[in-house]
Amino acid sequence: MVRALDVQQVLLQSSAVERVQQVQQHQADVQQNHFEGQLAEEKRALREKVKNLEEAERLMIKEEEERNKREKKKNRAKREKEGADDTDGDRSDDESVGRVDIRI
């Protein structure tokens, strides 16, 4: 059977064991909260990274479109200038042809 001294010691130790169990449970809760906080931070960072990548991609597309517009404008201006030069050259040829006098 159980002796009175053994029961008394068990009762005295039970409060200490209870405190140890509470601390262990609290530690597990703290670790879980910390882990949840880390996961939330990582998710936020990944979302931010995706947003930055999407924004960078949009900016790259916009810059490329602007570059293409500038090149088209430049080419159009160049063609118009070449067309104007050709027209001037044609006029001088027409004028010289128009001055030819043929007598019979």
PDB file of N, CA and C in Angstrom:
ATOM      1  N   MET A   1       0.811  -1.183   0.000  1.00  0.00           N
ATOM      2  CA  MET A   1       0.000   0.000   0.000  1.00  0.00           C
ATOM      3  C   MET A   1       0.856   1.249   0.000  1.00  0.00           C
ATOM      4  N   VAL A   2       0.174   2.317  -0.135  1.00  0.00           N
ATOM      5  CA  VAL A   2       0.881   3.573  -0.214  1.00  0.00           C
ATOM      6  C   VAL A   2       1.073   4.115   1.187  1.00  0.00           C
ATOM      7  N   ARG A   3       2.282   4.513   1.443  1.00  0.00           N
ATOM      8  CA  ARG A   3       2.575   5.080   2.753  1.00  0.00           C
ATOM      9  C   ARG A   3       2.228   6.566   2.758  1.00  0.00           C
ATOM     10  N   ALA A   4       1.978   7.102   3.900  1.00  0.00           N
ATOM     11  CA  ALA A   4       1.594   8.496   4.050  1.00  0.00           C
ATOM     12  C   ALA A   4       2.711   9.423   3.581  1.00  0.00           C
ATOM     13  N   LEU A   5       3.943   9.054   3.817  1.00  0.00           N
ATOM     14  CA  LEU A   5       5.067   9.891   3.382  1.00  0.00           C
ATOM     15  C   LEU A   5       5.157   9.933   1.864  1.00  0.00           C
ATOM     16  N   ASP A   6       4.934   8.809   1.209  1.00  0.00           N
ATOM     17  CA  ASP A   6       4.972   8.774  -0.258  1.00  0.00           C
ATOM     18  C   ASP A   6       3.873   9.660  -0.847  1.00  0.00           C
ATOM     19  N   VAL A   7       2.701   9.590  -0.309  1.00  0.00           N
ATOM     20  CA  VAL A   7       1.583  10.409  -0.800  1.00  0.00           C
ATOM     21  C   VAL A   7       1.890  11.872  -0.567  1.00  0.00           C
ATOM     22  N   GLN A   8       2.439  12.190   0.556  1.00  0.00           N
ATOM     23  CA  GLN A   8       2.768  13.575   0.862  1.00  0.00           C
ATOM     24  C   GLN A   8       3.808  14.102  -0.121  1.00  0.00           C
ATOM     25  N   GLN A   9       4.816  13.316  -0.417  1.00  0.00           N
ATOM     26  CA  GLN A   9       5.847  13.734  -1.370  1.00  0.00           C
ATOM     27  C   GLN A   9       5.256  13.883  -2.769  1.00  0.00           C
ATOM     28  N   VAL A  10       4.402  12.993  -3.157  1.00  0.00           N
ATOM     29  CA  VAL A  10       3.766  13.065  -4.486  1.00  0.00           C
ATOM     30  C   VAL A  10       2.935  14.338  -4.582  1.00  0.00           C
ATOM     31  N   LEU A  11       2.200  14.656  -3.529  1.00  0.00           N
ATOM     32  CA  LEU A  11       1.390  15.880  -3.543  1.00  0.00           C
ATOM     33  C   LEU A  11       2.274  17.124  -3.632  1.00  0.00           C
ATOM     34  N   LEU A  12       3.388  17.141  -2.924  1.00  0.00           N
ATOM     35  CA  LEU A  12       4.301  18.275  -2.985  1.00  0.00           C
ATOM     36  C   LEU A  12       4.913  18.413  -4.388  1.00  0.00           C
ATOM     37  N   GLN A  13       5.224  17.314  -4.994  1.00  0.00           N
ATOM     38  CA  GLN A  13       5.850  17.344  -6.321  1.00  0.00           C
ATOM     39  C   GLN A  13       4.825  17.619  -7.428  1.00  0.00           C
ATOM     40  N   SER A  14       3.566  17.345  -7.156  1.00  0.00           N
ATOM     41  CA  SER A  14       2.549  17.532  -8.197  1.00  0.00           C
ATOM     42  C   SER A  14       2.424  19.001  -8.606  1.00  0.00           C
ATOM     43  N   SER A  15       2.551  19.916  -7.643  1.00  0.00           N
ATOM     44  CA  SER A  15       2.472  21.339  -7.998  1.00  0.00           C
ATOM     45  C   SER A  15       3.674  21.742  -8.854  1.00  0.00           C
ATOM     46  N   ALA A  16       4.837  21.197  -8.564  1.00  0.00           N
ATOM     47  CA  ALA A  16       6.026  21.494  -9.369  1.00  0.00           C
ATOM     48  C   ALA A  16       5.872  20.909 -10.770  1.00  0.00           C
ATOM     49  N   VAL A  17       5.341  19.702 -10.839  1.00  0.00           N
ATOM     50  CA  VAL A  17       5.124  19.062 -12.146  1.00  0.00           C
ATOM     51  C   VAL A  17       4.095  19.848 -12.938  1.00  0.00           C
ATOM     52  N   GLU A  18       3.076  20.319 -12.274  1.00  0.00           N
ATOM     53  CA  GLU A  18       2.044  21.114 -12.943  1.00  0.00           C
ATOM     54  C   GLU A  18       2.640  22.390 -13.528  1.00  0.00           C
ATOM     55  N   ARG A  19       3.496  23.053 -12.752  1.00  0.00           N
ATOM     56  CA  ARG A  19       4.147  24.275 -13.253  1.00  0.00           C
ATOM     57  C   ARG A  19       5.033  23.970 -14.453  1.00  0.00           C
ATOM     58  N   VAL A  20       5.764  22.881 -14.416  1.00  0.00           N
ATOM     59  CA  VAL A  20       6.628  22.489 -15.536  1.00  0.00           C
ATOM     60  C   VAL A  20       5.775  22.229 -16.779  1.00  0.00           C
ATOM     61  N   GLN A  21       4.646  21.550 -16.598  1.00  0.00           N
ATOM     62  CA  GLN A  21       3.767  21.271 -17.728  1.00  0.00           C
ATOM     63  C   GLN A  21       3.189  22.560 -18.301  1.00  0.00           C
ATOM     64  N   GLN A  22       2.834  23.507 -17.461  1.00  0.00           N
ATOM     65  CA  GLN A  22       2.317  24.791 -17.930  1.00  0.00           C
ATOM     66  C   GLN A  22       3.374  25.543 -18.734  1.00  0.00           C
ATOM     67  N   VAL A  23       4.593  25.528 -18.223  1.00  0.00           N
ATOM     68  CA  VAL A  23       5.687  26.204 -18.940  1.00  0.00           C
ATOM     69  C   VAL A  23       5.918  25.535 -20.284  1.00  0.00           C
ATOM     70  N   GLN A  24       5.903  24.215 -20.314  1.00  0.00           N
ATOM     71  CA  GLN A  24       6.103  23.500 -21.582  1.00  0.00           C
ATOM     72  C   GLN A  24       4.986  23.835 -22.568  1.00  0.00           C
ATOM     73  N   GLN A  25       3.749  23.880 -22.093  1.00  0.00           N
ATOM     74  CA  GLN A  25       2.618  24.214 -22.967  1.00  0.00           C
ATOM     75  C   GLN A  25       2.745  25.644 -23.473  1.00  0.00           C
ATOM     76  N   HIS A  26       3.112  26.528 -22.554  1.00  0.00           N
ATOM     77  CA  HIS A  26       3.282  27.936 -22.946  1.00  0.00           C
ATOM     78  C   HIS A  26       4.397  28.072 -23.984  1.00  0.00           C
ATOM     79  N   GLN A  27       5.481  27.352 -23.792  1.00  0.00           N
ATOM     80  CA  GLN A  27       6.603  27.392 -24.740  1.00  0.00           C
ATOM     81  C   GLN A  27       6.147  26.914 -26.114  1.00  0.00           C
ATOM     82  N   ALA A  28       5.343  25.868 -26.145  1.00  0.00           N
ATOM     83  CA  ALA A  28       4.832  25.365 -27.430  1.00  0.00           C
ATOM     84  C   ALA A  28       3.951  26.414 -28.100  1.00  0.00           C
ATOM     85  N   ASP A  29       3.121  27.091 -27.316  1.00  0.00           N
ATOM     86  CA  ASP A  29       2.262  28.149 -27.865  1.00  0.00           C
ATOM     87  C   ASP A  29       3.095  29.303 -28.411  1.00  0.00           C
ATOM     88  N   VAL A  30       4.124  29.674 -27.667  1.00  0.00           N
ATOM     89  CA  VAL A  30       4.997  30.769 -28.102  1.00  0.00           C
ATOM     90  C   VAL A  30       5.710  30.388 -29.403  1.00  0.00           C
ATOM     91  N   GLN A  31       6.200  29.168 -29.480  1.00  0.00           N
ATOM     92  CA  GLN A  31       6.881  28.713 -30.694  1.00  0.00           C
ATOM     93  C   GLN A  31       5.922  28.701 -31.877  1.00  0.00           C
ATOM     94  N   GLN A  32       4.703  28.257 -31.647  1.00  0.00           N
ATOM     95  CA  GLN A  32       3.722  28.222 -32.728  1.00  0.00           C
ATOM     96  C   GLN A  32       3.405  29.637 -33.207  1.00  0.00           C
ATOM     97  N   ASN A  33       3.215  30.567 -32.274  1.00  0.00           N
ATOM     98  CA  ASN A  33       2.948  31.958 -32.657  1.00  0.00           C
ATOM     99  C   ASN A  33       4.121  32.552 -33.421  1.00  0.00           C
ATOM    100  N   HIS A  34       5.318  32.262 -32.970  1.00  0.00           N
ATOM    101  CA  HIS A  34       6.508  32.764 -33.659  1.00  0.00           C
ATOM    102  C   HIS A  34       6.584  32.198 -35.073  1.00  0.00           C
ATOM    103  N   PHE A  35       6.320  30.908 -35.208  1.00  0.00           N
ATOM    104  CA  PHE A  35       6.348  30.267 -36.521  1.00  0.00           C
ATOM    105  C   PHE A  35       5.290  30.863 -37.444  1.00  0.00           C
ATOM    106  N   GLU A  36       4.077  31.095 -36.907  1.00  0.00           N
ATOM    107  CA  GLU A  36       3.015  31.724 -37.700  1.00  0.00           C
ATOM    108  C   GLU A  36       3.429  33.124 -38.156  1.00  0.00           C
ATOM    109  N   GLY A  37       4.078  33.860 -37.271  1.00  0.00           N
ATOM    110  CA  GLY A  37       4.556  35.198 -37.635  1.00  0.00           C
ATOM    111  C   GLY A  37       5.590  35.140 -38.746  1.00  0.00           C
ATOM    112  N   GLN A  38       6.501  34.182 -38.673  1.00  0.00           N
ATOM    113  CA  GLN A  38       7.511  34.029 -39.719  1.00  0.00           C
ATOM    114  C   GLN A  38       6.865  33.665 -41.052  1.00  0.00           C
ATOM    115  N   LEU A  39       5.889  32.744 -41.017  1.00  0.00           N
ATOM    116  CA  LEU A  39       5.196  32.363 -42.253  1.00  0.00           C
ATOM    117  C   LEU A  39       4.459  33.560 -42.858  1.00  0.00           C
ATOM    118  N   ALA A  40       3.795  34.332 -42.024  1.00  0.00           N
ATOM    119  CA  ALA A  40       3.083  35.514 -42.509  1.00  0.00           C
ATOM    120  C   ALA A  40       4.053  36.501 -43.153  1.00  0.00           C
ATOM    121  N   GLU A  41       5.205  36.703 -42.540  1.00  0.00           N
ATOM    122  CA  GLU A  41       6.216  37.615 -43.087  1.00  0.00           C
ATOM    123  C   GLU A  41       6.739  37.107 -44.428  1.00  0.00           C
ATOM    124  N   GLU A  42       6.986  35.807 -44.520  1.00  0.00           N
ATOM    125  CA  GLU A  42       7.458  35.236 -45.784  1.00  0.00           C
ATOM    126  C   GLU A  42       6.404  35.380 -46.878  1.00  0.00           C
ATOM    127  N   LYS A  43       5.144  35.134 -46.542  1.00  0.00           N
ATOM    128  CA  LYS A  43       4.058  35.293 -47.525  1.00  0.00           C
ATOM    129  C   LYS A  43       3.985  36.735 -48.013  1.00  0.00           C
ATOM    130  N   ARG A  44       4.086  37.683 -47.064  1.00  0.00           N
ATOM    131  CA  ARG A  44       4.025  39.097 -47.432  1.00  0.00           C
ATOM    132  C   ARG A  44       5.185  39.457 -48.361  1.00  0.00           C
ATOM    133  N   ALA A  45       6.367  38.949 -48.024  1.00  0.00           N
ATOM    134  CA  ALA A  45       7.549  39.233 -48.844  1.00  0.00           C
ATOM    135  C   ALA A  45       7.387  38.639 -50.244  1.00  0.00           C
ATOM    136  N   LEU A  46       6.847  37.440 -50.327  1.00  0.00           N
ATOM    137  CA  LEU A  46       6.641  36.820 -51.638  1.00  0.00           C
ATOM    138  C   LEU A  46       5.603  37.582 -52.454  1.00  0.00           C
ATOM    139  N   ARG A  47       4.522  38.011 -51.796  1.00  0.00           N
ATOM    140  CA  ARG A  47       3.511  38.813 -52.514  1.00  0.00           C
ATOM    141  C   ARG A  47       4.124  40.108 -53.026  1.00  0.00           C
ATOM    142  N   GLU A  48       4.919  40.744 -52.188  1.00  0.00           N
ATOM    143  CA  GLU A  48       5.571  42.002 -52.582  1.00  0.00           C
ATOM    144  C   GLU A  48       6.516  41.761 -53.755  1.00  0.00           C
ATOM    145  N   LYS A  49       7.225  40.650 -53.705  1.00  0.00           N
ATOM    146  CA  LYS A  49       8.151  40.321 -54.780  1.00  0.00           C
ATOM    147  C   LYS A  49       7.398  40.102 -56.089  1.00  0.00           C
ATOM    148  N   VAL A  50       6.272  39.415 -56.020  1.00  0.00           N
ATOM    149  CA  VAL A  50       5.458  39.180 -57.215  1.00  0.00           C
ATOM    150  C   VAL A  50       4.938  40.505 -57.752  1.00  0.00           C
ATOM    151  N   LYS A  51       4.475  41.383 -56.863  1.00  0.00           N
ATOM    152  CA  LYS A  51       3.992  42.697 -57.294  1.00  0.00           C
ATOM    153  C   LYS A  51       5.115  43.466 -57.981  1.00  0.00           C
ATOM    154  N   ASN A  52       6.304  43.429 -57.390  1.00  0.00           N
ATOM    155  CA  ASN A  52       7.431  44.137 -57.987  1.00  0.00           C
ATOM    156  C   ASN A  52       7.774  43.561 -59.350  1.00  0.00           C
ATOM    157  N   LEU A  53       7.729  42.238 -59.492  1.00  0.00           N
ATOM    158  CA  LEU A  53       8.018  41.619 -60.784  1.00  0.00           C
ATOM    159  C   LEU A  53       6.974  42.007 -61.818  1.00  0.00           C
ATOM    160  N   GLU A  54       5.694  42.002 -61.425  1.00  0.00           N
ATOM    161  CA  GLU A  54       4.643  42.387 -62.350  1.00  0.00           C
ATOM    162  C   GLU A  54       4.809  43.846 -62.769  1.00  0.00           C
ATOM    163  N   GLU A  55       5.113  44.695 -61.809  1.00  0.00           N
ATOM    164  CA  GLU A  55       5.298  46.113 -62.120  1.00  0.00           C
ATOM    165  C   GLU A  55       6.510  46.311 -63.033  1.00  0.00           C
ATOM    166  N   ALA A  56       7.583  45.599 -62.756  1.00  0.00           N
ATOM    167  CA  ALA A  56       8.779  45.705 -63.590  1.00  0.00           C
ATOM    168  C   ALA A  56       8.480  45.225 -65.004  1.00  0.00           C
ATOM    169  N   GLU A  57       7.712  44.166 -65.119  1.00  0.00           N
ATOM    170  CA  GLU A  57       7.362  43.643 -66.442  1.00  0.00           C
ATOM    171  C   GLU A  57       6.503  44.659 -67.200  1.00  0.00           C
ATOM    172  N   ARG A  58       5.541  45.269 -66.504  1.00  0.00           N
ATOM    173  CA  ARG A  58       4.714  46.301 -67.151  1.00  0.00           C
ATOM    174  C   ARG A  58       5.568  47.468 -67.615  1.00  0.00           C
ATOM    175  N   LEU A  59       6.520  47.887 -66.784  1.00  0.00           N
ATOM    176  CA  LEU A  59       7.392  48.994 -67.157  1.00  0.00           C
ATOM    177  C   LEU A  59       8.256  48.637 -68.365  1.00  0.00           C
ATOM    178  N   MET A  60       8.756  47.411 -68.398  1.00  0.00           N
ATOM    179  CA  MET A  60       9.579  46.985 -69.532  1.00  0.00           C
ATOM    180  C   MET A  60       8.751  46.989 -70.809  1.00  0.00           C
ATOM    181  N   ILE A  61       7.527  46.509 -70.755  1.00  0.00           N
ATOM    182  CA  ILE A  61       6.653  46.491 -71.924  1.00  0.00           C
ATOM    183  C   ILE A  61       6.357  47.912 -72.375  1.00  0.00           C
ATOM    184  N   LYS A  62       6.074  48.795 -71.417  1.00  0.00           N
ATOM    185  CA  LYS A  62       5.779  50.187 -71.742  1.00  0.00           C
ATOM    186  C   LYS A  62       6.988  50.859 -72.401  1.00  0.00           C
ATOM    187  N   GLU A  63       8.184  50.626 -71.858  1.00  0.00           N
ATOM    188  CA  GLU A  63       9.393  51.213 -72.440  1.00  0.00           C
ATOM    189  C   GLU A  63       9.621  50.694 -73.847  1.00  0.00           C
ATOM    190  N   GLU A  64       9.380  49.407 -74.063  1.00  0.00           N
ATOM    191  CA  GLU A  64       9.567  48.836 -75.396  1.00  0.00           C
ATOM    192  C   GLU A  64       8.568  49.442 -76.385  1.00  0.00           C
ATOM    193  N   GLU A  65       7.318  49.631 -75.954  1.00  0.00           N
ATOM    194  CA  GLU A  65       6.330  50.252 -76.827  1.00  0.00           C
ATOM    195  C   GLU A  65       6.728  51.684 -77.172  1.00  0.00           C
ATOM    196  N   GLU A  66       7.205  52.422 -76.177  1.00  0.00           N
ATOM    197  CA  GLU A  66       7.640  53.800 -76.429  1.00  0.00           C
ATOM    198  C   GLU A  66       8.825  53.824 -77.396  1.00  0.00           C
ATOM    199  N   ARG A  67       9.761  52.889 -77.215  1.00  0.00           N
ATOM    200  CA  ARG A  67      10.911  52.806 -78.106  1.00  0.00           C
ATOM    201  C   ARG A  67      10.454  52.518 -79.538  1.00  0.00           C
ATOM    202  N   ASN A  68       9.502  51.599 -79.682  1.00  0.00           N
ATOM    203  CA  ASN A  68       8.989  51.276 -81.014  1.00  0.00           C
ATOM    204  C   ASN A  68       8.307  52.483 -81.644  1.00  0.00           C
ATOM    205  N   LYS A  69       7.549  53.259 -80.835  1.00  0.00           N
ATOM    206  CA  LYS A  69       6.894  54.455 -81.358  1.00  0.00           C
ATOM    207  C   LYS A  69       7.929  55.467 -81.840  1.00  0.00           C
ATOM    208  N   ARG A  70       8.995  55.651 -81.033  1.00  0.00           N
ATOM    209  CA  ARG A  70      10.038  56.608 -81.441  1.00  0.00           C
ATOM    210  C   ARG A  70      10.709  56.162 -82.731  1.00  0.00           C
ATOM    211  N   GLU A  71      10.981  54.861 -82.848  1.00  0.00           N
ATOM    212  CA  GLU A  71      11.610  54.350 -84.069  1.00  0.00           C
ATOM    213  C   GLU A  71      10.695  54.542 -85.270  1.00  0.00           C
ATOM    214  N   LYS A  72       9.404  54.290 -85.106  1.00  0.00           N
ATOM    215  CA  LYS A  72       8.455  54.481 -86.206  1.00  0.00           C
ATOM    216  C   LYS A  72       8.403  55.941 -86.623  1.00  0.00           C
ATOM    217  N   LYS A  73       8.372  56.843 -85.634  1.00  0.00           N
ATOM    218  CA  LYS A  73       8.368  58.272 -85.938  1.00  0.00           C
ATOM    219  C   LYS A  73       9.632  58.662 -86.699  1.00  0.00           C
ATOM    220  N   LYS A  74      10.755  58.158 -86.218  1.00  0.00           N
ATOM    221  CA  LYS A  74      12.039  58.472 -86.840  1.00  0.00           C
ATOM    222  C   LYS A  74      12.066  57.962 -88.281  1.00  0.00           C
ATOM    223  N   ASN A  75      11.618  56.730 -88.472  1.00  0.00           N
ATOM    224  CA  ASN A  75      11.591  56.154 -89.821  1.00  0.00           C
ATOM    225  C   ASN A  75      10.632  56.918 -90.720  1.00  0.00           C
ATOM    226  N   ARG A  76       9.478  57.316 -90.204  1.00  0.00           N
ATOM    227  CA  ARG A  76       8.506  58.067 -90.992  1.00  0.00           C
ATOM    228  C   ARG A  76       9.098  59.410 -91.413  1.00  0.00           C
ATOM    229  N   ALA A  77       9.745  60.086 -90.462  1.00  0.00           N
ATOM    230  CA  ALA A  77      10.358  61.378 -90.774  1.00  0.00           C
ATOM    231  C   ALA A  77      11.460  61.191 -91.815  1.00  0.00           C
ATOM    232  N   LYS A  78      12.220  60.128 -91.686  1.00  0.00           N
ATOM    233  CA  LYS A  78      13.296  59.855 -92.638  1.00  0.00           C
ATOM    234  C   LYS A  78      12.721  59.594 -94.032  1.00  0.00           C
ATOM    235  N   ARG A  79      11.642  58.807 -94.106  1.00  0.00           N
ATOM    236  CA  ARG A  79      11.017  58.537 -95.416  1.00  0.00           C
ATOM    237  C   ARG A  79      10.455  59.809 -96.024  1.00  0.00           C
ATOM    238  N   GLU A  80       9.811  60.624 -95.172  1.00  0.00           N
ATOM    239  CA  GLU A  80       9.260  61.883 -95.681  1.00  0.00           C
ATOM    240  C   GLU A  80      10.372  62.783 -96.203  1.00  0.00           C
ATOM    241  N   LYS A  81      11.491  62.810 -95.508  1.00  0.00           N
ATOM    242  CA  LYS A  81      12.615  63.636 -95.946  1.00  0.00           C
ATOM    243  C   LYS A  81      13.174  63.106 -97.267  1.00  0.00           C
ATOM    244  N   GLU A  82      13.316  61.774 -97.350  1.00  0.00           N
ATOM    245  CA  GLU A  82      13.805  61.179 -98.594  1.00  0.00           C
ATOM    246  C   GLU A  82      12.829  61.432 -99.726  1.00  0.00           C
ATOM    247  N   GLY A  83      11.543  61.368 -99.425  1.00  0.00           N
ATOM    248  CA  GLY A  83      10.518  61.646-100.438  1.00  0.00           C
ATOM    249  C   GLY A  83      10.599  63.089-100.909  1.00  0.00           C
ATOM    250  N   ALA A  84      10.846  64.017 -99.985  1.00  0.00           N
ATOM    251  CA  ALA A  84      10.974  65.433-100.341  1.00  0.00           C
ATOM    252  C   ALA A  84      12.233  65.643-101.180  1.00  0.00           C
ATOM    253  N   ASP A  85      13.319  64.958-100.842  1.00  0.00           N
ATOM    254  CA  ASP A  85      14.552  65.072-101.617  1.00  0.00           C
ATOM    255  C   ASP A  85      14.338  64.514-103.015  1.00  0.00           C
ATOM    256  N   ASP A  86      13.639  63.401-103.120  1.00  0.00           N
ATOM    257  CA  ASP A  86      13.370  62.803-104.425  1.00  0.00           C
ATOM    258  C   ASP A  86      12.490  63.717-105.255  1.00  0.00           C
ATOM    259  N   THR A  87      11.533  64.362-104.638  1.00  0.00           N
ATOM    260  CA  THR A  87      10.642  65.265-105.355  1.00  0.00           C
ATOM    261  C   THR A  87      11.435  66.449-105.890  1.00  0.00           C
ATOM    262  N   ASP A  88      12.358  66.990-105.115  1.00  0.00           N
ATOM    263  CA  ASP A  88      13.201  68.096-105.578  1.00  0.00           C
ATOM    264  C   ASP A  88      14.055  67.632-106.746  1.00  0.00           C
ATOM    265  N   GLY A  89      14.595  66.471-106.660  1.00  0.00           N
ATOM    266  CA  GLY A  89      15.414  65.933-107.750  1.00  0.00           C
ATOM    267  C   GLY A  89      14.579  65.719-108.997  1.00  0.00           C
ATOM    268  N   ASP A  90      13.358  65.273-108.848  1.00  0.00           N
ATOM    269  CA  ASP A  90      12.476  65.075-109.997  1.00  0.00           C
ATOM    270  C   ASP A  90      12.127  66.407-110.633  1.00  0.00           C
ATOM    271  N   ARG A  91      11.922  67.441-109.879  1.00  0.00           N
ATOM    272  CA  ARG A  91      11.594  68.756-110.418  1.00  0.00           C
ATOM    273  C   ARG A  91      12.752  69.292-111.259  1.00  0.00           C
ATOM    274  N   SER A  92      13.966  69.132-110.762  1.00  0.00           N
ATOM    275  CA  SER A  92      15.096  69.646-111.521  1.00  0.00           C
ATOM    276  C   SER A  92      15.232  68.869-112.825  1.00  0.00           C
ATOM    277  N   ASP A  93      14.984  67.573-112.800  1.00  0.00           N
ATOM    278  CA  ASP A  93      15.019  66.774-114.029  1.00  0.00           C
ATOM    279  C   ASP A  93      13.910  67.203-114.969  1.00  0.00           C
ATOM    280  N   ASP A  94      12.720  67.466-114.416  1.00  0.00           N
ATOM    281  CA  ASP A  94      11.593  67.896-115.255  1.00  0.00           C
ATOM    282  C   ASP A  94      11.891  69.253-115.885  1.00  0.00           C
ATOM    283  N   GLU A  95      12.480  70.140-115.116  1.00  0.00           N
ATOM    284  CA  GLU A  95      12.792  71.466-115.628  1.00  0.00           C
ATOM    285  C   GLU A  95      13.815  71.371-116.754  1.00  0.00           C
ATOM    286  N   SER A  96      14.823  70.538-116.592  1.00  0.00           N
ATOM    287  CA  SER A  96      15.813  70.435-117.648  1.00  0.00           C
ATOM    288  C   SER A  96      15.220  69.765-118.883  1.00  0.00           C
ATOM    289  N   VAL A  97      14.347  68.823-118.685  1.00  0.00           N
ATOM    290  CA  VAL A  97      13.687  68.171-119.821  1.00  0.00           C
ATOM    291  C   VAL A  97      12.744  69.153-120.483  1.00  0.00           C
ATOM    292  N   GLY A  98      12.092  69.961-119.699  1.00  0.00           N
ATOM    293  CA  GLY A  98      11.167  70.946-120.252  1.00  0.00           C
ATOM    294  C   GLY A  98      11.873  72.030-121.051  1.00  0.00           C
ATOM    295  N   ARG A  99      13.133  72.230-120.902  1.00  0.00           N
ATOM    296  CA  ARG A  99      13.869  73.304-121.598  1.00  0.00           C
ATOM    297  C   ARG A  99      14.493  72.823-122.899  1.00  0.00           C
ATOM    298  N   VAL A 100      14.393  71.576-123.144  1.00  0.00           N
ATOM    299  CA  VAL A 100      14.968  71.070-124.393  1.00  0.00           C
ATOM    300  C   VAL A 100      14.132  71.614-125.548  1.00  0.00           C
ATOM    301  N   ASP A 101      14.808  72.259-126.464  1.00  0.00           N
ATOM    302  CA  ASP A 101      14.126  72.839-127.617  1.00  0.00           C
ATOM    303  C   ASP A 101      14.521  72.039-128.858  1.00  0.00           C
ATOM    304  N   ILE A 102      13.541  71.483-129.477  1.00  0.00           N
ATOM    305  CA  ILE A 102      13.811  70.686-130.677  1.00  0.00           C
ATOM    306  C   ILE A 102      13.297  71.487-131.875  1.00  0.00           C
ATOM    307  N   ARG A 103      14.210  71.732-132.849  1.00  0.00           N
ATOM    308  CA  ARG A 103      13.833  72.483-134.057  1.00  0.00           C
ATOM    309  C   ARG A 103      14.017  71.602-135.269  1.00  0.00           C
ATOM    310  N   ILE A 104      13.112  71.711-136.138  1.00  0.00           N
ATOM    311  CA  ILE A 104      13.212  70.922-137.352  1.00  0.00           C
ATOM    312  C   ILE A 104      13.411  71.825-138.535  1.00  0.00           C
TER     313      ILE A 104
END
